Amino acid sequence: MKVVYVAGPFRGPTAWDIERNVRSAEELAFEVFQLGVMPMIPHANTRWFHGQGPDQFWLDGTLELLRRCDAMILTADWKRSTGARGERAEAERLSIPVFETVDELAIWLDRK
């Protein structure tokens, strides 16, 4: 089974903004699931840990999760996230396929 990392903004100025970012990632992840692929949603994995431990621990940990995935998909607003931009750069460095739409991901999956 393929595992696809979902990247997009997490942080926000309020708890509500963070929750909206998490839900956006979850909505995209559900579309990934509907393709028969396991989504990796770091947003949901640590949504309640905000403020616990140093930021660098979480940033390093999510990059490690990414390294273990087969592909990456980006939320529509990924460019506004420093973290997502860094994750994309890491995926590209490792030659992990990166997709901006579910349709692009579906085409790639059909070729596999």
N, C-alpha and C. Protein backbone atom coordinates (compact mmCIF):
# COMPACT_ATOMS: atom_id res chain seq x y z
N MET A 1 0.84 -1.19 0.00
CA MET A 1 0.00 0.00 0.00
C MET A 1 0.88 1.24 0.00
N LYS A 2 0.54 2.19 -0.84
CA LYS A 2 1.26 3.46 -0.88
C LYS A 2 0.82 4.33 0.30
N VAL A 3 1.77 5.13 0.80
CA VAL A 3 1.51 6.09 1.87
C VAL A 3 1.84 7.47 1.32
N VAL A 4 0.87 8.40 1.45
CA VAL A 4 1.03 9.75 0.89
C VAL A 4 0.98 10.77 2.02
N TYR A 5 2.01 11.57 2.12
CA TYR A 5 2.17 12.61 3.13
C TYR A 5 1.35 13.84 2.72
N VAL A 6 0.55 14.35 3.63
CA VAL A 6 -0.26 15.54 3.38
C VAL A 6 0.45 16.74 4.00
N ALA A 7 0.81 17.72 3.17
CA ALA A 7 1.55 18.90 3.63
C ALA A 7 0.72 20.15 3.42
N GLY A 8 0.78 21.02 4.40
CA GLY A 8 0.08 22.30 4.33
C GLY A 8 0.28 23.04 5.64
N PRO A 9 -0.28 24.22 5.76
CA PRO A 9 -0.11 25.00 6.98
C PRO A 9 -0.65 24.27 8.21
N PHE A 10 0.04 24.41 9.31
CA PHE A 10 -0.43 23.93 10.61
C PHE A 10 -0.64 25.10 11.56
N ARG A 11 0.40 25.87 11.74
CA ARG A 11 0.35 26.97 12.71
C ARG A 11 -0.66 28.05 12.32
N GLY A 12 -1.08 28.78 13.33
CA GLY A 12 -1.98 29.91 13.13
C GLY A 12 -1.97 30.77 14.38
N PRO A 13 -2.49 31.98 14.28
CA PRO A 13 -2.45 32.89 15.42
C PRO A 13 -3.37 32.48 16.57
N THR A 14 -4.38 31.64 16.29
CA THR A 14 -5.30 31.20 17.34
C THR A 14 -5.52 29.70 17.24
N ALA A 15 -6.08 29.14 18.29
CA ALA A 15 -6.41 27.71 18.29
C ALA A 15 -7.40 27.40 17.17
N TRP A 16 -8.32 28.32 16.90
CA TRP A 16 -9.29 28.11 15.83
C TRP A 16 -8.60 28.04 14.46
N ASP A 17 -7.63 28.92 14.24
CA ASP A 17 -6.89 28.90 12.97
C ASP A 17 -6.13 27.59 12.80
N ILE A 18 -5.53 27.11 13.87
CA ILE A 18 -4.83 25.83 13.81
C ILE A 18 -5.82 24.71 13.48
N GLU A 19 -6.96 24.71 14.15
CA GLU A 19 -7.96 23.67 13.90
C GLU A 19 -8.45 23.70 12.45
N ARG A 20 -8.63 24.88 11.92
CA ARG A 20 -9.05 24.99 10.51
C ARG A 20 -7.98 24.40 9.58
N ASN A 21 -6.72 24.64 9.89
CA ASN A 21 -5.63 24.07 9.08
C ASN A 21 -5.62 22.55 9.18
N VAL A 22 -5.84 22.03 10.38
CA VAL A 22 -5.87 20.58 10.57
C VAL A 22 -7.03 19.98 9.78
N ARG A 23 -8.17 20.59 9.86
CA ARG A 23 -9.34 20.06 9.15
C ARG A 23 -9.16 20.13 7.64
N SER A 24 -8.51 21.15 7.15
CA SER A 24 -8.22 21.25 5.72
C SER A 24 -7.34 20.07 5.29
N ALA A 25 -6.32 19.77 6.08
CA ALA A 25 -5.45 18.64 5.77
C ALA A 25 -6.23 17.33 5.84
N GLU A 26 -7.12 17.20 6.81
CA GLU A 26 -7.92 15.99 6.94
C GLU A 26 -8.87 15.81 5.76
N GLU A 27 -9.44 16.88 5.28
CA GLU A 27 -10.33 16.79 4.12
C GLU A 27 -9.57 16.29 2.89
N LEU A 28 -8.37 16.81 2.69
CA LEU A 28 -7.54 16.35 1.58
C LEU A 28 -7.15 14.89 1.79
N ALA A 29 -6.82 14.53 3.01
CA ALA A 29 -6.45 13.16 3.33
C ALA A 29 -7.58 12.19 3.03
N PHE A 30 -8.81 12.61 3.26
CA PHE A 30 -9.94 11.74 2.96
C PHE A 30 -10.04 11.48 1.46
N GLU A 31 -9.75 12.49 0.67
CA GLU A 31 -9.74 12.31 -0.78
C GLU A 31 -8.63 11.34 -1.19
N VAL A 32 -7.50 11.41 -0.51
CA VAL A 32 -6.40 10.48 -0.77
C VAL A 32 -6.85 9.06 -0.42
N PHE A 33 -7.47 8.90 0.72
CA PHE A 33 -8.00 7.60 1.13
C PHE A 33 -8.95 7.03 0.09
N GLN A 34 -9.77 7.88 -0.49
CA GLN A 34 -10.74 7.41 -1.48
C GLN A 34 -10.06 6.86 -2.73
N LEU A 35 -8.79 7.16 -2.92
CA LEU A 35 -8.01 6.58 -4.02
C LEU A 35 -7.42 5.23 -3.63
N GLY A 36 -7.65 4.80 -2.39
CA GLY A 36 -7.11 3.53 -1.93
C GLY A 36 -5.69 3.63 -1.41
N VAL A 37 -5.33 4.81 -0.97
CA VAL A 37 -3.98 5.10 -0.50
C VAL A 37 -4.06 5.56 0.95
N MET A 38 -3.06 5.20 1.75
CA MET A 38 -3.03 5.60 3.16
C MET A 38 -2.45 7.00 3.29
N PRO A 39 -3.24 7.95 3.79
CA PRO A 39 -2.71 9.30 4.01
C PRO A 39 -1.95 9.38 5.33
N MET A 40 -0.84 10.12 5.31
CA MET A 40 -0.10 10.45 6.52
C MET A 40 -0.38 11.92 6.80
N ILE A 41 -1.05 12.21 7.90
CA ILE A 41 -1.49 13.57 8.21
C ILE A 41 -0.77 14.04 9.48
N PRO A 42 0.39 14.64 9.35
CA PRO A 42 1.10 15.08 10.56
C PRO A 42 0.31 16.10 11.38
N HIS A 43 -0.52 16.87 10.73
CA HIS A 43 -1.35 17.85 11.42
C HIS A 43 -2.20 17.16 12.50
N ALA A 44 -2.85 16.09 12.12
CA ALA A 44 -3.75 15.38 13.02
C ALA A 44 -2.98 14.58 14.06
N ASN A 45 -1.79 14.16 13.71
CA ASN A 45 -0.98 13.36 14.61
C ASN A 45 -0.59 14.15 15.87
N THR A 46 -0.40 15.46 15.71
CA THR A 46 0.08 16.27 16.84
C THR A 46 -0.82 17.47 17.13
N ARG A 47 -2.05 17.45 16.68
CA ARG A 47 -2.93 18.61 16.81
C ARG A 47 -3.07 19.09 18.25
N TRP A 48 -3.02 18.23 19.23
CA TRP A 48 -3.23 18.64 20.62
C TRP A 48 -1.92 18.86 21.37
N PHE A 49 -0.79 18.74 20.67
CA PHE A 49 0.51 18.90 21.31
C PHE A 49 1.05 20.32 21.19
N HIS A 50 0.27 21.22 20.60
CA HIS A 50 0.74 22.58 20.37
C HIS A 50 1.29 23.19 21.65
N GLY A 51 2.52 23.70 21.57
CA GLY A 51 3.15 24.32 22.73
C GLY A 51 3.90 23.35 23.62
N GLN A 52 3.82 22.07 23.33
CA GLN A 52 4.52 21.06 24.13
C GLN A 52 5.84 20.73 23.45
N GLY A 53 6.90 20.92 24.11
CA GLY A 53 8.21 20.60 23.56
C GLY A 53 8.66 21.64 22.56
N PRO A 54 9.92 21.57 22.20
CA PRO A 54 10.47 22.54 21.26
C PRO A 54 9.95 22.32 19.84
N ASP A 55 9.71 23.41 19.13
CA ASP A 55 9.23 23.33 17.75
C ASP A 55 10.13 22.46 16.88
N GLN A 56 11.44 22.55 17.10
CA GLN A 56 12.36 21.82 16.24
C GLN A 56 12.14 20.31 16.33
N PHE A 57 11.75 19.81 17.50
CA PHE A 57 11.45 18.39 17.63
C PHE A 57 10.33 17.98 16.68
N TRP A 58 9.27 18.77 16.64
CA TRP A 58 8.12 18.45 15.79
C TRP A 58 8.47 18.62 14.31
N LEU A 59 9.22 19.65 14.00
CA LEU A 59 9.63 19.86 12.61
C LEU A 59 10.52 18.72 12.12
N ASP A 60 11.49 18.33 12.93
CA ASP A 60 12.36 17.21 12.56
C ASP A 60 11.56 15.91 12.45
N GLY A 61 10.64 15.71 13.36
CA GLY A 61 9.83 14.49 13.35
C GLY A 61 8.94 14.39 12.13
N THR A 62 8.33 15.50 11.72
CA THR A 62 7.48 15.43 10.54
C THR A 62 8.30 15.20 9.27
N LEU A 63 9.52 15.74 9.23
CA LEU A 63 10.38 15.46 8.09
C LEU A 63 10.74 13.98 8.04
N GLU A 64 10.93 13.37 9.19
CA GLU A 64 11.23 11.93 9.22
C GLU A 64 10.03 11.13 8.73
N LEU A 65 8.82 11.53 9.12
CA LEU A 65 7.63 10.85 8.60
C LEU A 65 7.57 10.97 7.07
N LEU A 66 7.84 12.16 6.57
CA LEU A 66 7.84 12.38 5.13
C LEU A 66 8.82 11.44 4.42
N ARG A 67 10.00 11.29 4.98
CA ARG A 67 11.03 10.45 4.34
C ARG A 67 10.58 9.00 4.18
N ARG A 68 9.61 8.59 4.96
CA ARG A 68 9.13 7.21 4.92
C ARG A 68 7.91 7.03 4.02
N CYS A 69 7.49 8.10 3.37
CA CYS A 69 6.31 8.05 2.51
C CYS A 69 6.68 7.87 1.04
N ASP A 70 5.70 7.42 0.27
CA ASP A 70 5.91 7.17 -1.16
C ASP A 70 5.69 8.41 -2.01
N ALA A 71 4.91 9.35 -1.50
CA ALA A 71 4.58 10.56 -2.26
C ALA A 71 4.10 11.62 -1.29
N MET A 72 3.92 12.82 -1.81
CA MET A 72 3.41 13.96 -1.02
C MET A 72 2.31 14.63 -1.82
N ILE A 73 1.29 15.09 -1.09
CA ILE A 73 0.26 15.94 -1.70
C ILE A 73 0.16 17.20 -0.86
N LEU A 74 -0.08 18.31 -1.54
CA LEU A 74 -0.09 19.63 -0.90
C LEU A 74 -1.51 20.19 -0.82
N THR A 75 -1.82 20.82 0.29
CA THR A 75 -3.10 21.53 0.39
C THR A 75 -3.06 22.73 -0.54
N ALA A 76 -4.22 23.27 -0.86
CA ALA A 76 -4.30 24.38 -1.81
C ALA A 76 -3.51 25.61 -1.34
N ASP A 77 -3.40 25.79 -0.03
CA ASP A 77 -2.74 26.98 0.52
C ASP A 77 -1.34 26.69 1.06
N TRP A 78 -0.70 25.64 0.58
CA TRP A 78 0.59 25.20 1.10
C TRP A 78 1.68 26.27 1.02
N LYS A 79 1.60 27.14 0.04
CA LYS A 79 2.67 28.12 -0.15
C LYS A 79 2.78 29.12 0.99
N ARG A 80 1.71 29.30 1.76
CA ARG A 80 1.78 30.25 2.87
C ARG A 80 2.44 29.66 4.12
N SER A 81 2.84 28.40 4.03
CA SER A 81 3.45 27.71 5.16
C SER A 81 4.94 27.51 4.95
N THR A 82 5.73 28.08 5.84
CA THR A 82 7.18 27.86 5.79
C THR A 82 7.49 26.38 5.94
N GLY A 83 6.77 25.72 6.85
CA GLY A 83 7.00 24.29 7.06
C GLY A 83 6.70 23.47 5.83
N ALA A 84 5.57 23.73 5.17
CA ALA A 84 5.20 22.98 3.97
C ALA A 84 6.19 23.24 2.83
N ARG A 85 6.67 24.46 2.74
CA ARG A 85 7.68 24.75 1.71
C ARG A 85 8.95 23.95 1.97
N GLY A 86 9.33 23.86 3.24
CA GLY A 86 10.50 23.06 3.60
C GLY A 86 10.28 21.57 3.36
N GLU A 87 9.08 21.10 3.65
CA GLU A 87 8.75 19.70 3.40
C GLU A 87 8.79 19.39 1.90
N ARG A 88 8.28 20.30 1.12
CA ARG A 88 8.32 20.09 -0.33
C ARG A 88 9.77 20.03 -0.82
N ALA A 89 10.58 20.93 -0.32
CA ALA A 89 12.00 20.94 -0.72
C ALA A 89 12.67 19.61 -0.33
N GLU A 90 12.35 19.10 0.84
CA GLU A 90 12.92 17.82 1.27
C GLU A 90 12.43 16.68 0.38
N ALA A 91 11.15 16.68 0.05
CA ALA A 91 10.62 15.65 -0.85
C ALA A 91 11.33 15.70 -2.20
N GLU A 92 11.50 16.89 -2.72
CA GLU A 92 12.18 17.03 -4.01
C GLU A 92 13.64 16.58 -3.92
N ARG A 93 14.30 16.91 -2.81
CA ARG A 93 15.69 16.49 -2.61
C ARG A 93 15.80 14.97 -2.62
N LEU A 94 14.79 14.30 -2.08
CA LEU A 94 14.79 12.84 -1.98
C LEU A 94 14.11 12.16 -3.17
N SER A 95 13.68 12.95 -4.14
CA SER A 95 12.96 12.43 -5.33
C SER A 95 11.66 11.73 -4.96
N ILE A 96 11.01 12.23 -3.91
CA ILE A 96 9.67 11.76 -3.56
C ILE A 96 8.69 12.55 -4.42
N PRO A 97 7.82 11.88 -5.17
CA PRO A 97 6.88 12.61 -6.02
C PRO A 97 5.98 13.55 -5.21
N VAL A 98 5.77 14.75 -5.75
CA VAL A 98 4.96 15.78 -5.10
C VAL A 98 3.80 16.14 -6.02
N PHE A 99 2.59 16.20 -5.44
CA PHE A 99 1.39 16.50 -6.21
C PHE A 99 0.63 17.66 -5.57
N GLU A 100 0.05 18.49 -6.43
CA GLU A 100 -0.73 19.62 -5.95
C GLU A 100 -2.23 19.36 -6.03
N THR A 101 -2.62 18.29 -6.72
CA THR A 101 -4.04 17.96 -6.80
C THR A 101 -4.23 16.45 -6.65
N VAL A 102 -5.42 16.08 -6.24
CA VAL A 102 -5.79 14.67 -6.13
C VAL A 102 -5.79 14.02 -7.52
N ASP A 103 -6.21 14.78 -8.53
CA ASP A 103 -6.21 14.24 -9.89
C ASP A 103 -4.79 13.85 -10.34
N GLU A 104 -3.80 14.71 -10.05
CA GLU A 104 -2.42 14.39 -10.39
C GLU A 104 -1.96 13.13 -9.67
N LEU A 105 -2.32 13.03 -8.39
CA LEU A 105 -1.97 11.84 -7.61
C LEU A 105 -2.62 10.59 -8.21
N ALA A 106 -3.88 10.70 -8.58
CA ALA A 106 -4.59 9.56 -9.16
C ALA A 106 -3.92 9.08 -10.46
N ILE A 107 -3.49 10.00 -11.29
CA ILE A 107 -2.80 9.63 -12.52
C ILE A 107 -1.51 8.89 -12.20
N TRP A 108 -0.75 9.39 -11.25
CA TRP A 108 0.51 8.74 -10.83
C TRP A 108 0.22 7.34 -10.30
N LEU A 109 -0.82 7.20 -9.49
CA LEU A 109 -1.15 5.89 -8.93
C LEU A 109 -1.56 4.90 -10.02
N ASP A 110 -2.25 5.38 -11.03
CA ASP A 110 -2.66 4.51 -12.13
C ASP A 110 -1.46 3.98 -12.90
N ARG A 111 -0.37 4.72 -12.89
CA ARG A 111 0.84 4.32 -13.61
C ARG A 111 1.69 3.35 -12.80
N LYS A 112 1.42 3.25 -11.53
CA LYS A 112 2.22 2.37 -10.65
C LYS A 112 1.75 0.96 -10.69
